[in-house]
Amino acid sequence: MAKKVKKAEKMSVNDLLPGDILAFKGDPHDTISALIMNLTGSDVSHGAIFVQKEEGVLAEAGLGGIHATRTRDDSTAREAYVMRHDKAGKNGVEPVVPIAKNYVIQDLPYPFSDLILLGLILIFKQKVTKPLLSRVVAEFLCLVAAELKTIIEEKNTPGKHTMVCSSYVYQCYLDASKKKPALKLNIKNGDVGFKDHPLIGRKSKSFTLFDVYADYVASHEDECKKDFKAKKLSPAKKLRSKEEILADLKKLLAKKIADKVPELTPETISVLIDVINAIKDVIQALAIFLKGDRVSFSEMMKVAREQQAMFVTPNDLVKHVTNATNVGMVKLDRYGGEYDDNWKK
């Protein structure tokens, strides 16, 4: 667990250093925020990086993509934990800053960040084995795949990296660690990962969603390759609305579904296969999004292995990073609109 100060100090925007990780407390009145907090057992639901002392600029990934915004102190704003990397100097973590700014400049689209984060957390935290829960998870993943397919159809942007808020923070540090390994954020016992999982039925040192699919491929390789379409995505399935699926999820969580693995009845096997297929759709759409239309099956699996940053939650940034310290709390107001154009000139 990350080192914590005994009593969180109140900080000002002027106390922040470039590279500081900000984990914002969630809004219990917002459905998405409340679900993320519920599923991770945390009081945070969003992550960002402070990147510039002049004008107090932070960068973050949200529904509109990855953007930068000016900030200022505001006693009425939601609090944020300030996590500082152990290798930060008097000027912060300088190698991370140009990387964070570069992602902002790329205008990366990500209109489905809330859906994919909820879906990924749900799969692991609730141990998807109950038929009704499995169906809701599969619907979440299908919504994510459908959103990706829409982006691909409207504007093919291979090579661009899609990320949720906490994934963006993690990825910036991961990129910086390629030259300075000590900068990688070390996460121990993260929210989205288990030593064993009923979808696979075996034990491992680590599991993520893509590991689940990779293990499934290992035992169904011919079938998976046959179903893979290298140049054309299958049409998006007709799904219920996001609001209807969220309503189901809230009901299921309220019932506190047991973790007990049910018997492998035909119905149970059917819904678990639905989840596996939904995972495949997400991976395939993501691979085509990043690589373009001519992606092969092997490239798809390679892309899957490279997307591990997608499994970092806001709660991980506060509770599970072992080489960052909580140096205090800050309340910030965002103002002035997007700061992106200042870096594009």
Foldseek 3Di string as FASTA:
>chain_A
DAAEDPDFAEDFLLPDAFLWKWFWFFDCVDLLRVLLCLLQVHRTFFMWTFADSVQRKIWFQDLQGIFIFGKGFDPVFTKIFTKAFLPQDPRGPVQLRVVSLVLRLVRDHDNLQSLLQSLFLLCASLQPQDLVSLVLSLLSLLVLLQVLVVCCVVDQAAARDGAHGQLSSQVSQVVSCVVPVSSHFDFDPASRWDQDGPLQGDGHPIDGLLNSLVSVCVVVVVVVQVPDDQQDADHRDDHDDPVVSSVSVVVVVVVVDDNDHDDPDVSSVVSSVSNSVSSVSNLNSVQCSHHNRRDHPVSSSVVSVVSPSRRHGSVRSPPGGHRIYRNHMGGMDTDDPTPSVVVVD
